[in-house]
Amino acid sequence: MDQRVKILTLQSQLCEHIGRSHWAISVRIFGKGDFFRRLLNGADCRTSTADRAMQWFADNWPDDLAWPKDISRPAKSKRAA
């Protein structure tokens, strides 16, 4: 599974769990809402942007939602811990 698919999987599961759109999650992570729309349309992103998204998910993932088993979870950042 490539990084793009991992990010979209996390986004999809979180959106479903909290009842928010991918736009809302994108705004929380990047301050703009079109990140996931572009990925869904086949665009790619820089490694640093993908890392930022993965770290945000790791730091903000709800305790009552299981992290997908097939995606490695980054350790929480010091500011989130």
PDB file of N, CA and C in Angstrom:
ATOM      1  N   MET A   1       0.858  -1.167   0.000  1.00  0.00           N
ATOM      2  CA  MET A   1       0.000   0.000   0.000  1.00  0.00           C
ATOM      3  C   MET A   1       0.912   1.241   0.000  1.00  0.00           C
ATOM      4  N   ASP A   2       0.706   2.117  -0.975  1.00  0.00           N
ATOM      5  CA  ASP A   2       1.554   3.308  -1.026  1.00  0.00           C
ATOM      6  C   ASP A   2       1.060   4.376  -0.041  1.00  0.00           C
ATOM      7  N   GLN A   3       1.897   5.372   0.180  1.00  0.00           N
ATOM      8  CA  GLN A   3       1.606   6.399   1.174  1.00  0.00           C
ATOM      9  C   GLN A   3       0.308   7.146   0.871  1.00  0.00           C
ATOM     10  N   ARG A   4       0.056   7.405  -0.389  1.00  0.00           N
ATOM     11  CA  ARG A   4      -1.164   8.104  -0.801  1.00  0.00           C
ATOM     12  C   ARG A   4      -2.400   7.318  -0.380  1.00  0.00           C
ATOM     13  N   VAL A   5      -2.384   6.030  -0.617  1.00  0.00           N
ATOM     14  CA  VAL A   5      -3.513   5.166  -0.247  1.00  0.00           C
ATOM     15  C   VAL A   5      -3.658   5.097   1.275  1.00  0.00           C
ATOM     16  N   LYS A   6      -2.551   5.053   1.988  1.00  0.00           N
ATOM     17  CA  LYS A   6      -2.607   5.031   3.453  1.00  0.00           C
ATOM     18  C   LYS A   6      -3.283   6.295   3.979  1.00  0.00           C
ATOM     19  N   ILE A   7      -2.874   7.434   3.464  1.00  0.00           N
ATOM     20  CA  ILE A   7      -3.439   8.709   3.913  1.00  0.00           C
ATOM     21  C   ILE A   7      -4.929   8.772   3.602  1.00  0.00           C
ATOM     22  N   LEU A   8      -5.311   8.345   2.422  1.00  0.00           N
ATOM     23  CA  LEU A   8      -6.730   8.366   2.048  1.00  0.00           C
ATOM     24  C   LEU A   8      -7.548   7.380   2.887  1.00  0.00           C
ATOM     25  N   THR A   9      -6.961   6.250   3.233  1.00  0.00           N
ATOM     26  CA  THR A   9      -7.639   5.284   4.093  1.00  0.00           C
ATOM     27  C   THR A   9      -7.890   5.872   5.476  1.00  0.00           C
ATOM     28  N   LEU A  10      -6.861   6.488   6.039  1.00  0.00           N
ATOM     29  CA  LEU A  10      -7.016   7.112   7.353  1.00  0.00           C
ATOM     30  C   LEU A  10      -8.051   8.227   7.307  1.00  0.00           C
ATOM     31  N   GLN A  11      -7.981   9.049   6.286  1.00  0.00           N
ATOM     32  CA  GLN A  11      -8.933  10.146   6.129  1.00  0.00           C
ATOM     33  C   GLN A  11     -10.352   9.617   6.049  1.00  0.00           C
ATOM     34  N   SER A  12     -10.571   8.605   5.259  1.00  0.00           N
ATOM     35  CA  SER A  12     -11.897   8.041   5.071  1.00  0.00           C
ATOM     36  C   SER A  12     -12.457   7.472   6.375  1.00  0.00           C
ATOM     37  N   GLN A  13     -11.639   6.695   7.081  1.00  0.00           N
ATOM     38  CA  GLN A  13     -12.104   6.087   8.328  1.00  0.00           C
ATOM     39  C   GLN A  13     -12.384   7.138   9.397  1.00  0.00           C
ATOM     40  N   LEU A  14     -11.520   8.149   9.487  1.00  0.00           N
ATOM     41  CA  LEU A  14     -11.738   9.188  10.479  1.00  0.00           C
ATOM     42  C   LEU A  14     -12.979  10.004  10.154  1.00  0.00           C
ATOM     43  N   CYS A  15     -13.156  10.368   8.900  1.00  0.00           N
ATOM     44  CA  CYS A  15     -14.340  11.135   8.508  1.00  0.00           C
ATOM     45  C   CYS A  15     -15.624  10.385   8.843  1.00  0.00           C
ATOM     46  N   GLU A  16     -15.647   9.115   8.529  1.00  0.00           N
ATOM     47  CA  GLU A  16     -16.829   8.309   8.829  1.00  0.00           C
ATOM     48  C   GLU A  16     -17.078   8.247  10.339  1.00  0.00           C
ATOM     49  N   HIS A  17     -16.012   8.087  11.098  1.00  0.00           N
ATOM     50  CA  HIS A  17     -16.130   7.945  12.550  1.00  0.00           C
ATOM     51  C   HIS A  17     -16.631   9.229  13.222  1.00  0.00           C
ATOM     52  N   ILE A  18     -16.116  10.370  12.801  1.00  0.00           N
ATOM     53  CA  ILE A  18     -16.477  11.621  13.481  1.00  0.00           C
ATOM     54  C   ILE A  18     -17.578  12.400  12.765  1.00  0.00           C
ATOM     55  N   GLY A  19     -18.015  11.916  11.605  1.00  0.00           N
ATOM     56  CA  GLY A  19     -19.097  12.571  10.888  1.00  0.00           C
ATOM     57  C   GLY A  19     -18.719  13.901  10.267  1.00  0.00           C
ATOM     58  N   ARG A  20     -17.503  14.002   9.803  1.00  0.00           N
ATOM     59  CA  ARG A  20     -17.026  15.222   9.147  1.00  0.00           C
ATOM     60  C   ARG A  20     -16.564  14.886   7.731  1.00  0.00           C
ATOM     61  N   SER A  21     -16.444  15.907   6.916  1.00  0.00           N
ATOM     62  CA  SER A  21     -16.007  15.718   5.534  1.00  0.00           C
ATOM     63  C   SER A  21     -14.478  15.714   5.438  1.00  0.00           C
ATOM     64  N   HIS A  22     -13.992  15.234   4.315  1.00  0.00           N
ATOM     65  CA  HIS A  22     -12.544  15.268   4.084  1.00  0.00           C
ATOM     66  C   HIS A  22     -12.052  16.711   4.044  1.00  0.00           C
ATOM     67  N   TRP A  23     -12.923  17.624   3.642  1.00  0.00           N
ATOM     68  CA  TRP A  23     -12.585  19.044   3.616  1.00  0.00           C
ATOM     69  C   TRP A  23     -12.244  19.530   5.038  1.00  0.00           C
ATOM     70  N   ALA A  24     -13.064  19.153   6.014  1.00  0.00           N
ATOM     71  CA  ALA A  24     -12.849  19.576   7.405  1.00  0.00           C
ATOM     72  C   ALA A  24     -11.536  19.028   7.953  1.00  0.00           C
ATOM     73  N   ILE A  25     -11.216  17.789   7.639  1.00  0.00           N
ATOM     74  CA  ILE A  25      -9.966  17.191   8.116  1.00  0.00           C
ATOM     75  C   ILE A  25      -8.775  17.888   7.463  1.00  0.00           C
ATOM     76  N   SER A  26      -8.876  18.176   6.190  1.00  0.00           N
ATOM     77  CA  SER A  26      -7.810  18.876   5.478  1.00  0.00           C
ATOM     78  C   SER A  26      -7.548  20.248   6.091  1.00  0.00           C
ATOM     79  N   VAL A  27      -8.613  20.957   6.447  1.00  0.00           N
ATOM     80  CA  VAL A  27      -8.454  22.272   7.079  1.00  0.00           C
ATOM     81  C   VAL A  27      -7.747  22.134   8.418  1.00  0.00           C
ATOM     82  N   ARG A  28      -8.078  21.109   9.181  1.00  0.00           N
ATOM     83  CA  ARG A  28      -7.433  20.894  10.483  1.00  0.00           C
ATOM     84  C   ARG A  28      -5.936  20.632  10.330  1.00  0.00           C
ATOM     85  N   ILE A  29      -5.576  19.888   9.304  1.00  0.00           N
ATOM     86  CA  ILE A  29      -4.167  19.531   9.118  1.00  0.00           C
ATOM     87  C   ILE A  29      -3.377  20.652   8.448  1.00  0.00           C
ATOM     88  N   PHE A  30      -3.921  21.190   7.360  1.00  0.00           N
ATOM     89  CA  PHE A  30      -3.145  22.080   6.496  1.00  0.00           C
ATOM     90  C   PHE A  30      -3.646  23.521   6.440  1.00  0.00           C
ATOM     91  N   GLY A  31      -4.803  23.794   7.033  1.00  0.00           N
ATOM     92  CA  GLY A  31      -5.339  25.141   6.969  1.00  0.00           C
ATOM     93  C   GLY A  31      -6.020  25.466   5.651  1.00  0.00           C
ATOM     94  N   LYS A  32      -6.198  24.458   4.811  1.00  0.00           N
ATOM     95  CA  LYS A  32      -6.933  24.603   3.549  1.00  0.00           C
ATOM     96  C   LYS A  32      -7.628  23.279   3.272  1.00  0.00           C
ATOM     97  N   GLY A  33      -8.716  23.335   2.540  1.00  0.00           N
ATOM     98  CA  GLY A  33      -9.574  22.172   2.442  1.00  0.00           C
ATOM     99  C   GLY A  33      -9.434  21.269   1.246  1.00  0.00           C
ATOM    100  N   ASP A  34      -8.533  21.550   0.337  1.00  0.00           N
ATOM    101  CA  ASP A  34      -8.538  20.784  -0.908  1.00  0.00           C
ATOM    102  C   ASP A  34      -7.514  19.655  -0.984  1.00  0.00           C
ATOM    103  N   PHE A  35      -6.771  19.390   0.072  1.00  0.00           N
ATOM    104  CA  PHE A  35      -5.718  18.379   0.019  1.00  0.00           C
ATOM    105  C   PHE A  35      -6.244  17.001  -0.367  1.00  0.00           C
ATOM    106  N   PHE A  36      -7.250  16.518   0.338  1.00  0.00           N
ATOM    107  CA  PHE A  36      -7.755  15.172   0.069  1.00  0.00           C
ATOM    108  C   PHE A  36      -8.509  15.104  -1.251  1.00  0.00           C
ATOM    109  N   ARG A  37      -9.176  16.176  -1.637  1.00  0.00           N
ATOM    110  CA  ARG A  37      -9.861  16.201  -2.931  1.00  0.00           C
ATOM    111  C   ARG A  37      -8.846  15.989  -4.052  1.00  0.00           C
ATOM    112  N   ARG A  38      -7.713  16.652  -3.942  1.00  0.00           N
ATOM    113  CA  ARG A  38      -6.675  16.481  -4.967  1.00  0.00           C
ATOM    114  C   ARG A  38      -6.143  15.050  -4.979  1.00  0.00           C
ATOM    115  N   LEU A  39      -5.910  14.472  -3.798  1.00  0.00           N
ATOM    116  CA  LEU A  39      -5.444  13.081  -3.749  1.00  0.00           C
ATOM    117  C   LEU A  39      -6.486  12.129  -4.334  1.00  0.00           C
ATOM    118  N   LEU A  40      -7.746  12.367  -3.994  1.00  0.00           N
ATOM    119  CA  LEU A  40      -8.824  11.534  -4.526  1.00  0.00           C
ATOM    120  C   LEU A  40      -8.913  11.616  -6.047  1.00  0.00           C
ATOM    121  N   ASN A  41      -8.507  12.753  -6.591  1.00  0.00           N
ATOM    122  CA  ASN A  41      -8.526  12.946  -8.052  1.00  0.00           C
ATOM    123  C   ASN A  41      -7.243  12.479  -8.721  1.00  0.00           C
ATOM    124  N   GLY A  42      -6.357  11.810  -7.969  1.00  0.00           N
ATOM    125  CA  GLY A  42      -5.167  11.214  -8.558  1.00  0.00           C
ATOM    126  C   GLY A  42      -3.884  11.999  -8.393  1.00  0.00           C
ATOM    127  N   ALA A  43      -3.950  13.178  -7.780  1.00  0.00           N
ATOM    128  CA  ALA A  43      -2.738  13.969  -7.567  1.00  0.00           C
ATOM    129  C   ALA A  43      -1.849  13.295  -6.526  1.00  0.00           C
ATOM    130  N   ASP A  44      -0.635  13.736  -6.470  1.00  0.00           N
ATOM    131  CA  ASP A  44       0.323  13.241  -5.493  1.00  0.00           C
ATOM    132  C   ASP A  44       0.721  14.406  -4.589  1.00  0.00           C
ATOM    133  N   CYS A  45       1.555  14.140  -3.602  1.00  0.00           N
ATOM    134  CA  CYS A  45       2.031  15.206  -2.728  1.00  0.00           C
ATOM    135  C   CYS A  45       3.494  14.962  -2.386  1.00  0.00           C
ATOM    136  N   ARG A  46       4.111  15.966  -1.825  1.00  0.00           N
ATOM    137  CA  ARG A  46       5.506  15.860  -1.402  1.00  0.00           C
ATOM    138  C   ARG A  46       5.611  14.918  -0.195  1.00  0.00           C
ATOM    139  N   THR A  47       6.767  14.347  -0.017  1.00  0.00           N
ATOM    140  CA  THR A  47       7.008  13.455   1.113  1.00  0.00           C
ATOM    141  C   THR A  47       6.782  14.183   2.429  1.00  0.00           C
ATOM    142  N   SER A  48       7.241  15.411   2.538  1.00  0.00           N
ATOM    143  CA  SER A  48       7.070  16.165   3.786  1.00  0.00           C
ATOM    144  C   SER A  48       5.587  16.419   4.083  1.00  0.00           C
ATOM    145  N   THR A  49       4.788  16.623   3.053  1.00  0.00           N
ATOM    146  CA  THR A  49       3.352  16.827   3.232  1.00  0.00           C
ATOM    147  C   THR A  49       2.692  15.535   3.688  1.00  0.00           C
ATOM    148  N   ALA A  50       3.080  14.418   3.088  1.00  0.00           N
ATOM    149  CA  ALA A  50       2.549  13.116   3.499  1.00  0.00           C
ATOM    150  C   ALA A  50       2.942  12.813   4.940  1.00  0.00           C
ATOM    151  N   ASP A  51       4.181  13.112   5.299  1.00  0.00           N
ATOM    152  CA  ASP A  51       4.635  12.892   6.672  1.00  0.00           C
ATOM    153  C   ASP A  51       3.841  13.749   7.657  1.00  0.00           C
ATOM    154  N   ARG A  52       3.561  14.983   7.268  1.00  0.00           N
ATOM    155  CA  ARG A  52       2.779  15.882   8.128  1.00  0.00           C
ATOM    156  C   ARG A  52       1.374  15.322   8.352  1.00  0.00           C
ATOM    157  N   ALA A  53       0.756  14.824   7.287  1.00  0.00           N
ATOM    158  CA  ALA A  53      -0.579  14.235   7.407  1.00  0.00           C
ATOM    159  C   ALA A  53      -0.549  12.995   8.300  1.00  0.00           C
ATOM    160  N   MET A  54       0.410  12.110   8.071  1.00  0.00           N
ATOM    161  CA  MET A  54       0.500  10.894   8.879  1.00  0.00           C
ATOM    162  C   MET A  54       0.720  11.225  10.350  1.00  0.00           C
ATOM    163  N   GLN A  55       1.559  12.221  10.621  1.00  0.00           N
ATOM    164  CA  GLN A  55       1.809  12.599  12.011  1.00  0.00           C
ATOM    165  C   GLN A  55       0.561  13.186  12.653  1.00  0.00           C
ATOM    166  N   TRP A  56      -0.168  13.995  11.892  1.00  0.00           N
ATOM    167  CA  TRP A  56      -1.409  14.563  12.430  1.00  0.00           C
ATOM    168  C   TRP A  56      -2.390  13.454  12.790  1.00  0.00           C
ATOM    169  N   PHE A  57      -2.534  12.471  11.888  1.00  0.00           N
ATOM    170  CA  PHE A  57      -3.434  11.356  12.185  1.00  0.00           C
ATOM    171  C   PHE A  57      -2.967  10.613  13.433  1.00  0.00           C
ATOM    172  N   ALA A  58      -1.673  10.345  13.548  1.00  0.00           N
ATOM    173  CA  ALA A  58      -1.151   9.633  14.719  1.00  0.00           C
ATOM    174  C   ALA A  58      -1.415  10.413  16.007  1.00  0.00           C
ATOM    175  N   ASP A  59      -1.254  11.722  15.950  1.00  0.00           N
ATOM    176  CA  ASP A  59      -1.429  12.565  17.134  1.00  0.00           C
ATOM    177  C   ASP A  59      -2.899  12.779  17.507  1.00  0.00           C
ATOM    178  N   ASN A  60      -3.794  12.696  16.547  1.00  0.00           N
ATOM    179  CA  ASN A  60      -5.193  13.065  16.764  1.00  0.00           C
ATOM    180  C   ASN A  60      -6.186  11.921  16.591  1.00  0.00           C
ATOM    181  N   TRP A  61      -5.694  10.716  16.411  1.00  0.00           N
ATOM    182  CA  TRP A  61      -6.579   9.573  16.178  1.00  0.00           C
ATOM    183  C   TRP A  61      -7.402   9.295  17.435  1.00  0.00           C
ATOM    184  N   PRO A  62      -8.706   9.145  17.313  1.00  0.00           N
ATOM    185  CA  PRO A  62      -9.557   8.904  18.488  1.00  0.00           C
ATOM    186  C   PRO A  62      -9.240   7.568  19.164  1.00  0.00           C
ATOM    187  N   ASP A  63      -9.302   7.579  20.476  1.00  0.00           N
ATOM    188  CA  ASP A  63      -9.029   6.363  21.241  1.00  0.00           C
ATOM    189  C   ASP A  63     -10.064   5.275  20.975  1.00  0.00           C
ATOM    190  N   ASP A  64     -11.271   5.672  20.596  1.00  0.00           N
ATOM    191  CA  ASP A  64     -12.331   4.689  20.377  1.00  0.00           C
ATOM    192  C   ASP A  64     -12.434   4.206  18.930  1.00  0.00           C
ATOM    193  N   LEU A  65     -11.405   4.484  18.135  1.00  0.00           N
ATOM    194  CA  LEU A  65     -11.343   4.006  16.749  1.00  0.00           C
ATOM    195  C   LEU A  65     -10.038   3.264  16.553  1.00  0.00           C
ATOM    196  N   ALA A  66     -10.119   2.001  16.156  1.00  0.00           N
ATOM    197  CA  ALA A  66      -8.910   1.207  15.949  1.00  0.00           C
ATOM    198  C   ALA A  66      -8.121   1.737  14.748  1.00  0.00           C
ATOM    199  N   TRP A  67      -6.817   1.878  14.937  1.00  0.00           N
ATOM    200  CA  TRP A  67      -5.928   2.255  13.839  1.00  0.00           C
ATOM    201  C   TRP A  67      -5.864   1.069  12.882  1.00  0.00           C
ATOM    202  N   PRO A  68      -5.928   1.290  11.569  1.00  0.00           N
ATOM    203  CA  PRO A  68      -5.890   0.175  10.618  1.00  0.00           C
ATOM    204  C   PRO A  68      -4.630  -0.679  10.779  1.00  0.00           C
ATOM    205  N   LYS A  69      -4.809  -1.982  10.852  1.00  0.00           N
ATOM    206  CA  LYS A  69      -3.705  -2.908  11.094  1.00  0.00           C
ATOM    207  C   LYS A  69      -2.653  -2.913   9.988  1.00  0.00           C
ATOM    208  N   ASP A  70      -3.047  -2.612   8.766  1.00  0.00           N
ATOM    209  CA  ASP A  70      -2.109  -2.665   7.647  1.00  0.00           C
ATOM    210  C   ASP A  70      -1.371  -1.341   7.398  1.00  0.00           C
ATOM    211  N   ILE A  71      -1.512  -0.388   8.318  1.00  0.00           N
ATOM    212  CA  ILE A  71      -0.823   0.901   8.207  1.00  0.00           C
ATOM    213  C   ILE A  71       0.014   1.104   9.465  1.00  0.00           C
ATOM    214  N   SER A  72       1.315   1.310   9.284  1.00  0.00           N
ATOM    215  CA  SER A  72       2.194   1.580  10.430  1.00  0.00           C
ATOM    216  C   SER A  72       1.855   2.938  11.014  1.00  0.00           C
ATOM    217  N   ARG A  73       1.714   2.972  12.332  1.00  0.00           N
ATOM    218  CA  ARG A  73       1.365   4.227  12.999  1.00  0.00           C
ATOM    219  C   ARG A  73       2.620   4.903  13.540  1.00  0.00           C
ATOM    220  N   PRO A  74       2.849   6.153  13.148  1.00  0.00           N
ATOM    221  CA  PRO A  74       3.984   6.886  13.723  1.00  0.00           C
ATOM    222  C   PRO A  74       3.769   7.091  15.220  1.00  0.00           C
ATOM    223  N   ALA A  75       4.846   7.209  15.950  1.00  0.00           N
ATOM    224  CA  ALA A  75       4.754   7.534  17.377  1.00  0.00           C
ATOM    225  C   ALA A  75       4.183   8.938  17.515  1.00  0.00           C
ATOM    226  N   LYS A  76       3.434   9.168  18.595  1.00  0.00           N
ATOM    227  CA  LYS A  76       2.903  10.511  18.824  1.00  0.00           C
ATOM    228  C   LYS A  76       4.063  11.487  19.003  1.00  0.00           C
ATOM    229  N   SER A  77       3.863  12.691  18.498  1.00  0.00           N
ATOM    230  CA  SER A  77       4.892  13.712  18.648  1.00  0.00           C
ATOM    231  C   SER A  77       4.928  14.182  20.093  1.00  0.00           C
ATOM    232  N   LYS A  78       6.013  14.793  20.478  1.00  0.00           N
ATOM    233  CA  LYS A  78       6.180  15.243  21.867  1.00  0.00           C
ATOM    234  C   LYS A  78       5.114  16.268  22.243  1.00  0.00           C
ATOM    235  N   ARG A  79       4.730  17.130  21.304  1.00  0.00           N
ATOM    236  CA  ARG A  79       3.738  18.154  21.620  1.00  0.00           C
ATOM    237  C   ARG A  79       2.351  17.552  21.795  1.00  0.00           C
ATOM    238  N   ALA A  80       2.095  16.385  21.197  1.00  0.00           N
ATOM    239  CA  ALA A  80       0.793  15.731  21.317  1.00  0.00           C
ATOM    240  C   ALA A  80       0.724  14.827  22.544  1.00  0.00           C
ATOM    241  N   ALA A  81       1.867  14.396  23.008  1.00  0.00           N
ATOM    242  CA  ALA A  81       1.894  13.435  24.118  1.00  0.00           C
ATOM    243  C   ALA A  81       1.555  14.056  25.444  1.00  0.00           C
TER     244      ALA A  81
END
